Amino acid sequence: MFEFNADGSLKLPGSVAQKRDDDTEKMKGQRCIEIIREVVSTFSPKKCRLRLTLSEKMPDSSFVENIYKYFQNESEVPMKLAKINEKEFMIEIGTCFTRCKDCNALINRYRDFMDGNVIEHKGTCTFEQAKNFCYEDYFD
């Protein structure tokens, strides 16, 4: 059942509270990126927004713009990068025929650059990625 804190707010389950604390510690003590996905427009052409926040241990943010520029040259969808400050960026991505393909591809580029040290939050995004993809299940 639901449990409440003394102030009346909803008490988080132990695993959720632990993950939140781990993510906070990671942002303070490690080189990582936090990415929050948001849906800007659900009507065609659909738009998504990625909010990137660099951890305190990231001294240089130029890689964010470099990866974005490289990806923008390869992509077929409209994109826009906005630098909020030295540690925060906002990227708007349009969609093409395959929903969320470019959004996921850009996140994977940042994940590869950071050796997997990315904290990802779904935000308002409803996209579900197949967790256990097996080539034999889908193709003959």
N, C-alpha and C. Protein backbone atom coordinates (compact mmCIF):
# COMPACT_ATOMS: atom_id res chain seq x y z
N MET A 1 0.84 -1.17 0.00
CA MET A 1 0.00 0.00 0.00
C MET A 1 0.89 1.24 0.00
N PHE A 2 0.29 2.40 -0.05
CA PHE A 2 1.03 3.66 -0.09
C PHE A 2 1.43 4.08 1.32
N GLU A 3 2.62 4.62 1.42
CA GLU A 3 3.09 5.18 2.68
C GLU A 3 3.36 6.66 2.47
N PHE A 4 3.17 7.43 3.53
CA PHE A 4 3.34 8.87 3.45
C PHE A 4 4.39 9.34 4.44
N ASN A 5 5.11 10.40 4.08
CA ASN A 5 6.06 11.04 4.97
C ASN A 5 5.30 11.90 5.98
N ALA A 6 6.01 12.40 6.98
CA ALA A 6 5.40 13.22 8.02
C ALA A 6 4.78 14.50 7.44
N ASP A 7 5.37 15.02 6.35
CA ASP A 7 4.84 16.26 5.75
C ASP A 7 3.66 16.00 4.81
N GLY A 8 3.27 14.74 4.64
CA GLY A 8 2.12 14.41 3.79
C GLY A 8 2.50 14.01 2.38
N SER A 9 3.76 14.10 2.02
CA SER A 9 4.18 13.69 0.68
C SER A 9 4.27 12.17 0.60
N LEU A 10 4.20 11.66 -0.61
CA LEU A 10 4.25 10.23 -0.85
C LEU A 10 5.66 9.71 -0.61
N LYS A 11 5.78 8.63 0.13
CA LYS A 11 7.09 8.04 0.42
C LYS A 11 7.51 7.18 -0.77
N LEU A 12 8.74 7.39 -1.23
CA LEU A 12 9.26 6.62 -2.35
C LEU A 12 9.64 5.22 -1.90
N PRO A 13 9.44 4.21 -2.77
CA PRO A 13 9.92 2.87 -2.45
C PRO A 13 11.44 2.89 -2.29
N GLY A 14 11.97 1.95 -1.55
CA GLY A 14 13.40 1.90 -1.26
C GLY A 14 14.28 1.89 -2.49
N SER A 15 13.90 1.12 -3.50
CA SER A 15 14.74 1.03 -4.70
C SER A 15 14.77 2.34 -5.47
N VAL A 16 13.64 3.05 -5.52
CA VAL A 16 13.58 4.33 -6.23
C VAL A 16 14.39 5.38 -5.48
N ALA A 17 14.25 5.40 -4.16
CA ALA A 17 15.02 6.35 -3.35
C ALA A 17 16.51 6.07 -3.46
N GLN A 18 16.90 4.79 -3.48
CA GLN A 18 18.31 4.42 -3.60
C GLN A 18 18.87 4.84 -4.95
N LYS A 19 18.10 4.62 -6.03
CA LYS A 19 18.56 5.03 -7.37
C LYS A 19 18.73 6.54 -7.44
N ARG A 20 17.79 7.28 -6.87
CA ARG A 20 17.89 8.74 -6.87
C ARG A 20 19.14 9.19 -6.12
N ASP A 21 19.42 8.59 -4.98
CA ASP A 21 20.62 8.93 -4.21
C ASP A 21 21.88 8.56 -4.97
N ASP A 22 21.88 7.39 -5.62
CA ASP A 22 23.05 6.97 -6.42
C ASP A 22 23.30 7.93 -7.57
N ASP A 23 22.22 8.35 -8.24
CA ASP A 23 22.36 9.30 -9.35
C ASP A 23 22.89 10.64 -8.87
N THR A 24 22.44 11.10 -7.71
CA THR A 24 22.93 12.36 -7.14
C THR A 24 24.42 12.27 -6.82
N GLU A 25 24.84 11.15 -6.25
CA GLU A 25 26.26 10.96 -5.94
C GLU A 25 27.10 10.86 -7.21
N LYS A 26 26.55 10.20 -8.22
CA LYS A 26 27.25 10.07 -9.49
C LYS A 26 27.46 11.44 -10.13
N MET A 27 26.45 12.31 -10.07
CA MET A 27 26.55 13.65 -10.65
C MET A 27 27.56 14.51 -9.89
N LYS A 28 27.78 14.23 -8.63
CA LYS A 28 28.74 15.00 -7.85
C LYS A 28 30.16 14.47 -7.96
N GLY A 29 30.32 13.15 -8.06
CA GLY A 29 31.65 12.58 -7.94
C GLY A 29 32.23 11.93 -9.17
N GLN A 30 31.47 11.76 -10.25
CA GLN A 30 31.98 11.08 -11.43
C GLN A 30 31.79 11.94 -12.68
N ARG A 31 32.47 11.55 -13.74
CA ARG A 31 32.27 12.21 -15.03
C ARG A 31 31.09 11.51 -15.70
N CYS A 32 29.95 12.19 -15.76
CA CYS A 32 28.77 11.61 -16.38
C CYS A 32 27.84 12.70 -16.91
N ILE A 33 26.80 12.26 -17.63
CA ILE A 33 25.79 13.16 -18.18
C ILE A 33 24.43 12.67 -17.72
N GLU A 34 23.56 13.61 -17.39
CA GLU A 34 22.17 13.27 -17.11
C GLU A 34 21.35 13.77 -18.29
N ILE A 35 20.52 12.89 -18.84
CA ILE A 35 19.68 13.23 -19.99
C ILE A 35 18.22 13.00 -19.62
N ILE A 36 17.42 14.04 -19.80
CA ILE A 36 15.98 13.95 -19.55
C ILE A 36 15.27 14.10 -20.89
N ARG A 37 14.44 13.13 -21.22
CA ARG A 37 13.68 13.15 -22.48
C ARG A 37 12.33 13.82 -22.23
N GLU A 38 11.94 14.67 -23.15
CA GLU A 38 10.63 15.32 -23.07
C GLU A 38 10.01 15.35 -24.46
N VAL A 39 8.71 15.19 -24.53
CA VAL A 39 7.99 15.33 -25.79
C VAL A 39 7.46 16.75 -25.86
N VAL A 40 7.83 17.47 -26.91
CA VAL A 40 7.41 18.86 -27.08
C VAL A 40 6.08 18.93 -27.82
N SER A 41 5.97 18.16 -28.89
CA SER A 41 4.77 18.18 -29.72
C SER A 41 4.41 16.76 -30.13
N THR A 42 3.16 16.39 -29.95
CA THR A 42 2.71 15.06 -30.35
C THR A 42 2.04 15.06 -31.72
N PHE A 43 1.86 16.26 -32.30
CA PHE A 43 1.26 16.38 -33.62
C PHE A 43 2.36 16.46 -34.66
N SER A 44 2.06 16.00 -35.85
CA SER A 44 3.04 15.96 -36.91
C SER A 44 3.45 17.38 -37.33
N PRO A 45 4.69 17.71 -37.53
CA PRO A 45 5.86 16.87 -37.24
C PRO A 45 6.15 16.86 -35.74
N LYS A 46 6.33 15.69 -35.20
CA LYS A 46 6.56 15.54 -33.77
C LYS A 46 7.95 16.06 -33.41
N LYS A 47 8.06 16.58 -32.19
CA LYS A 47 9.34 17.09 -31.71
C LYS A 47 9.61 16.56 -30.32
N CYS A 48 10.86 16.24 -30.08
CA CYS A 48 11.31 15.81 -28.76
C CYS A 48 12.41 16.76 -28.30
N ARG A 49 12.60 16.81 -27.01
CA ARG A 49 13.63 17.66 -26.43
C ARG A 49 14.45 16.82 -25.47
N LEU A 50 15.77 16.97 -25.58
CA LEU A 50 16.70 16.33 -24.66
C LEU A 50 17.34 17.42 -23.82
N ARG A 51 17.27 17.26 -22.51
CA ARG A 51 17.92 18.21 -21.60
C ARG A 51 19.15 17.50 -21.05
N LEU A 52 20.33 18.00 -21.43
CA LEU A 52 21.59 17.42 -21.00
C LEU A 52 22.18 18.25 -19.87
N THR A 53 22.56 17.59 -18.80
CA THR A 53 23.23 18.24 -17.67
C THR A 53 24.52 17.50 -17.42
N LEU A 54 25.62 18.23 -17.43
CA LEU A 54 26.93 17.63 -17.18
C LEU A 54 27.20 17.59 -15.69
N SER A 55 27.92 16.57 -15.25
CA SER A 55 28.25 16.45 -13.83
C SER A 55 29.28 17.50 -13.43
N GLU A 56 29.46 17.65 -12.14
CA GLU A 56 30.41 18.65 -11.62
C GLU A 56 31.85 18.32 -11.98
N LYS A 57 32.14 17.06 -12.26
CA LYS A 57 33.50 16.63 -12.59
C LYS A 57 33.85 16.79 -14.07
N MET A 58 32.92 17.30 -14.87
CA MET A 58 33.18 17.50 -16.30
C MET A 58 33.74 18.90 -16.50
N PRO A 59 35.05 19.02 -16.77
CA PRO A 59 35.65 20.34 -16.91
C PRO A 59 35.36 21.03 -18.24
N ASP A 60 35.11 20.23 -19.28
CA ASP A 60 34.96 20.79 -20.63
C ASP A 60 33.65 20.29 -21.24
N SER A 61 32.90 21.20 -21.84
CA SER A 61 31.62 20.82 -22.43
C SER A 61 31.64 20.84 -23.95
N SER A 62 32.80 21.02 -24.54
CA SER A 62 32.87 21.14 -26.00
C SER A 62 32.46 19.86 -26.72
N PHE A 63 32.59 18.70 -26.07
CA PHE A 63 32.22 17.45 -26.72
C PHE A 63 30.73 17.39 -27.03
N VAL A 64 29.90 18.06 -26.23
CA VAL A 64 28.46 18.07 -26.47
C VAL A 64 28.17 18.69 -27.82
N GLU A 65 28.77 19.83 -28.10
CA GLU A 65 28.56 20.50 -29.37
C GLU A 65 29.20 19.75 -30.53
N ASN A 66 30.37 19.15 -30.30
CA ASN A 66 31.05 18.41 -31.36
C ASN A 66 30.24 17.19 -31.80
N ILE A 67 29.75 16.41 -30.85
CA ILE A 67 28.94 15.24 -31.18
C ILE A 67 27.65 15.67 -31.86
N TYR A 68 27.05 16.75 -31.37
CA TYR A 68 25.82 17.27 -31.97
C TYR A 68 26.05 17.66 -33.43
N LYS A 69 27.12 18.41 -33.71
CA LYS A 69 27.40 18.85 -35.08
C LYS A 69 27.64 17.67 -36.01
N TYR A 70 28.39 16.69 -35.53
CA TYR A 70 28.66 15.51 -36.34
C TYR A 70 27.36 14.76 -36.63
N PHE A 71 26.52 14.61 -35.62
CA PHE A 71 25.26 13.91 -35.78
C PHE A 71 24.29 14.69 -36.67
N GLN A 72 24.29 15.99 -36.56
CA GLN A 72 23.41 16.85 -37.36
C GLN A 72 23.71 16.69 -38.85
N ASN A 73 24.99 16.55 -39.19
CA ASN A 73 25.37 16.37 -40.59
C ASN A 73 24.86 15.05 -41.16
N GLU A 74 24.71 14.03 -40.33
CA GLU A 74 24.25 12.72 -40.78
C GLU A 74 22.73 12.57 -40.75
N SER A 75 22.07 13.37 -39.94
CA SER A 75 20.64 13.21 -39.71
C SER A 75 19.81 13.89 -40.80
N GLU A 76 18.59 13.37 -40.99
CA GLU A 76 17.68 13.94 -41.98
C GLU A 76 16.60 14.80 -41.33
N VAL A 77 16.57 14.86 -40.02
CA VAL A 77 15.51 15.59 -39.32
C VAL A 77 16.02 16.94 -38.84
N PRO A 78 15.11 17.90 -38.65
CA PRO A 78 15.55 19.20 -38.12
C PRO A 78 15.96 19.07 -36.65
N MET A 79 17.05 19.76 -36.31
CA MET A 79 17.57 19.72 -34.94
C MET A 79 18.01 21.11 -34.54
N LYS A 80 18.01 21.35 -33.23
CA LYS A 80 18.46 22.65 -32.73
C LYS A 80 19.11 22.45 -31.37
N LEU A 81 20.29 23.04 -31.20
CA LEU A 81 21.01 22.97 -29.93
C LEU A 81 21.00 24.34 -29.27
N ALA A 82 20.66 24.36 -27.99
CA ALA A 82 20.69 25.61 -27.22
C ALA A 82 21.53 25.37 -25.98
N LYS A 83 22.51 26.24 -25.77
CA LYS A 83 23.37 26.15 -24.60
C LYS A 83 22.78 27.05 -23.52
N ILE A 84 22.32 26.44 -22.43
CA ILE A 84 21.72 27.20 -21.34
C ILE A 84 22.81 27.84 -20.48
N ASN A 85 23.79 27.05 -20.10
CA ASN A 85 24.98 27.53 -19.40
C ASN A 85 26.10 26.53 -19.67
N GLU A 86 27.19 26.61 -18.95
CA GLU A 86 28.34 25.74 -19.21
C GLU A 86 28.05 24.27 -18.94
N LYS A 87 27.06 23.97 -18.11
CA LYS A 87 26.76 22.59 -17.73
C LYS A 87 25.42 22.08 -18.25
N GLU A 88 24.63 22.92 -18.88
CA GLU A 88 23.30 22.50 -19.34
C GLU A 88 23.08 22.85 -20.81
N PHE A 89 22.48 21.90 -21.53
CA PHE A 89 22.17 22.07 -22.94
C PHE A 89 20.76 21.55 -23.20
N MET A 90 20.14 22.11 -24.24
CA MET A 90 18.81 21.68 -24.67
C MET A 90 18.90 21.36 -26.15
N ILE A 91 18.49 20.16 -26.53
CA ILE A 91 18.51 19.76 -27.94
C ILE A 91 17.09 19.40 -28.35
N GLU A 92 16.57 20.07 -29.38
CA GLU A 92 15.26 19.73 -29.94
C GLU A 92 15.49 18.92 -31.19
N ILE A 93 14.74 17.81 -31.30
CA ILE A 93 14.90 16.90 -32.43
C ILE A 93 13.53 16.64 -33.04
N GLY A 94 13.43 16.83 -34.34
CA GLY A 94 12.21 16.47 -35.05
C GLY A 94 12.21 14.98 -35.32
N THR A 95 11.09 14.47 -35.81
CA THR A 95 11.04 13.04 -36.11
C THR A 95 10.78 12.83 -37.59
N CYS A 96 11.21 11.69 -38.07
CA CYS A 96 10.93 11.31 -39.44
C CYS A 96 9.98 10.11 -39.39
N PHE A 97 10.05 9.24 -40.35
CA PHE A 97 9.12 8.12 -40.42
C PHE A 97 9.24 7.21 -39.19
N THR A 98 10.45 6.91 -38.77
CA THR A 98 10.66 6.05 -37.61
C THR A 98 10.73 6.90 -36.36
N ARG A 99 9.77 6.76 -35.49
CA ARG A 99 9.68 7.57 -34.29
C ARG A 99 10.86 7.29 -33.36
N CYS A 100 11.46 8.33 -32.87
CA CYS A 100 12.52 8.28 -31.86
C CYS A 100 13.83 7.68 -32.33
N LYS A 101 13.95 7.37 -33.62
CA LYS A 101 15.19 6.79 -34.13
C LYS A 101 16.36 7.74 -33.93
N ASP A 102 16.20 8.98 -34.34
CA ASP A 102 17.29 9.95 -34.23
C ASP A 102 17.57 10.32 -32.78
N CYS A 103 16.53 10.43 -31.99
CA CYS A 103 16.69 10.75 -30.57
C CYS A 103 17.53 9.67 -29.87
N ASN A 104 17.17 8.41 -30.10
CA ASN A 104 17.91 7.31 -29.50
C ASN A 104 19.33 7.22 -30.03
N ALA A 105 19.50 7.49 -31.32
CA ALA A 105 20.84 7.43 -31.91
C ALA A 105 21.75 8.50 -31.31
N LEU A 106 21.22 9.71 -31.09
CA LEU A 106 22.03 10.77 -30.49
C LEU A 106 22.38 10.43 -29.03
N ILE A 107 21.43 9.91 -28.29
CA ILE A 107 21.71 9.51 -26.90
C ILE A 107 22.78 8.42 -26.88
N ASN A 108 22.70 7.49 -27.82
CA ASN A 108 23.70 6.42 -27.88
C ASN A 108 25.09 6.96 -28.21
N ARG A 109 25.17 8.02 -29.02
CA ARG A 109 26.47 8.65 -29.30
C ARG A 109 27.09 9.21 -28.01
N TYR A 110 26.24 9.90 -27.23
CA TYR A 110 26.75 10.44 -25.96
C TYR A 110 27.10 9.30 -25.00
N ARG A 111 26.32 8.24 -25.00
CA ARG A 111 26.60 7.10 -24.14
C ARG A 111 27.93 6.45 -24.52
N ASP A 112 28.18 6.30 -25.82
CA ASP A 112 29.45 5.73 -26.28
C ASP A 112 30.62 6.62 -25.88
N PHE A 113 30.47 7.92 -26.02
CA PHE A 113 31.55 8.84 -25.67
C PHE A 113 31.85 8.78 -24.17
N MET A 114 30.81 8.63 -23.37
CA MET A 114 30.97 8.61 -21.90
C MET A 114 31.19 7.20 -21.37
N ASP A 115 31.45 6.23 -22.22
CA ASP A 115 31.64 4.83 -21.82
C ASP A 115 30.48 4.31 -20.99
N GLY A 116 29.27 4.70 -21.36
CA GLY A 116 28.07 4.20 -20.70
C GLY A 116 27.68 4.93 -19.44
N ASN A 117 28.45 5.93 -19.04
CA ASN A 117 28.17 6.64 -17.79
C ASN A 117 27.16 7.77 -18.04
N VAL A 118 25.91 7.37 -18.36
CA VAL A 118 24.83 8.30 -18.65
C VAL A 118 23.64 7.97 -17.76
N ILE A 119 23.09 8.98 -17.14
CA ILE A 119 21.87 8.82 -16.35
C ILE A 119 20.73 9.30 -17.25
N GLU A 120 19.81 8.40 -17.56
CA GLU A 120 18.74 8.73 -18.48
C GLU A 120 17.39 8.66 -17.77
N HIS A 121 16.61 9.74 -17.91
CA HIS A 121 15.25 9.80 -17.36
C HIS A 121 14.28 9.96 -18.51
N LYS A 122 13.18 9.25 -18.44
CA LYS A 122 12.19 9.30 -19.53
C LYS A 122 11.43 10.60 -19.58
N GLY A 123 11.26 11.29 -18.49
CA GLY A 123 10.50 12.53 -18.51
C GLY A 123 9.11 12.28 -19.03
N THR A 124 8.70 13.03 -20.06
CA THR A 124 7.37 12.86 -20.64
C THR A 124 7.39 11.97 -21.89
N CYS A 125 8.51 11.36 -22.19
CA CYS A 125 8.63 10.50 -23.37
C CYS A 125 7.92 9.17 -23.11
N THR A 126 7.17 8.71 -24.11
CA THR A 126 6.41 7.47 -23.98
C THR A 126 7.04 6.31 -24.75
N PHE A 127 8.18 6.54 -25.37
CA PHE A 127 8.81 5.52 -26.20
C PHE A 127 9.37 4.40 -25.33
N GLU A 128 9.06 3.16 -25.71
CA GLU A 128 9.60 1.98 -25.04
C GLU A 128 10.52 1.25 -26.01
N GLN A 129 11.74 1.05 -25.58
CA GLN A 129 12.69 0.35 -26.43
C GLN A 129 12.69 -1.12 -26.06
N ALA A 130 12.78 -1.99 -27.07
CA ALA A 130 12.82 -3.43 -26.82
C ALA A 130 14.08 -3.75 -26.02
N LYS A 131 13.90 -4.40 -24.89
CA LYS A 131 15.04 -4.70 -24.01
C LYS A 131 15.81 -5.93 -24.47
N ASN A 132 15.11 -6.96 -24.92
CA ASN A 132 15.75 -8.22 -25.28
C ASN A 132 15.58 -8.50 -26.76
N PHE A 133 16.21 -7.69 -27.58
CA PHE A 133 16.12 -7.87 -29.02
C PHE A 133 16.95 -9.08 -29.43
N CYS A 134 16.34 -9.93 -30.20
CA CYS A 134 17.05 -11.11 -30.72
C CYS A 134 16.81 -11.14 -32.23
N TYR A 135 17.86 -11.15 -32.99
CA TYR A 135 17.77 -11.10 -34.45
C TYR A 135 16.89 -12.22 -34.99
N GLU A 136 17.01 -13.43 -34.43
CA GLU A 136 16.26 -14.58 -34.92
C GLU A 136 14.76 -14.43 -34.68
N ASP A 137 14.35 -13.62 -33.69
CA ASP A 137 12.93 -13.43 -33.40
C ASP A 137 12.23 -12.59 -34.46
N TYR A 138 12.95 -11.75 -35.17
CA TYR A 138 12.33 -10.80 -36.07
C TYR A 138 12.62 -11.03 -37.54
N PHE A 139 13.67 -11.75 -37.87
CA PHE A 139 14.06 -11.94 -39.26
C PHE A 139 14.30 -13.41 -39.54
N ASP A 140 13.98 -13.83 -40.75
CA ASP A 140 14.25 -15.22 -41.15
C ASP A 140 15.36 -15.28 -42.15
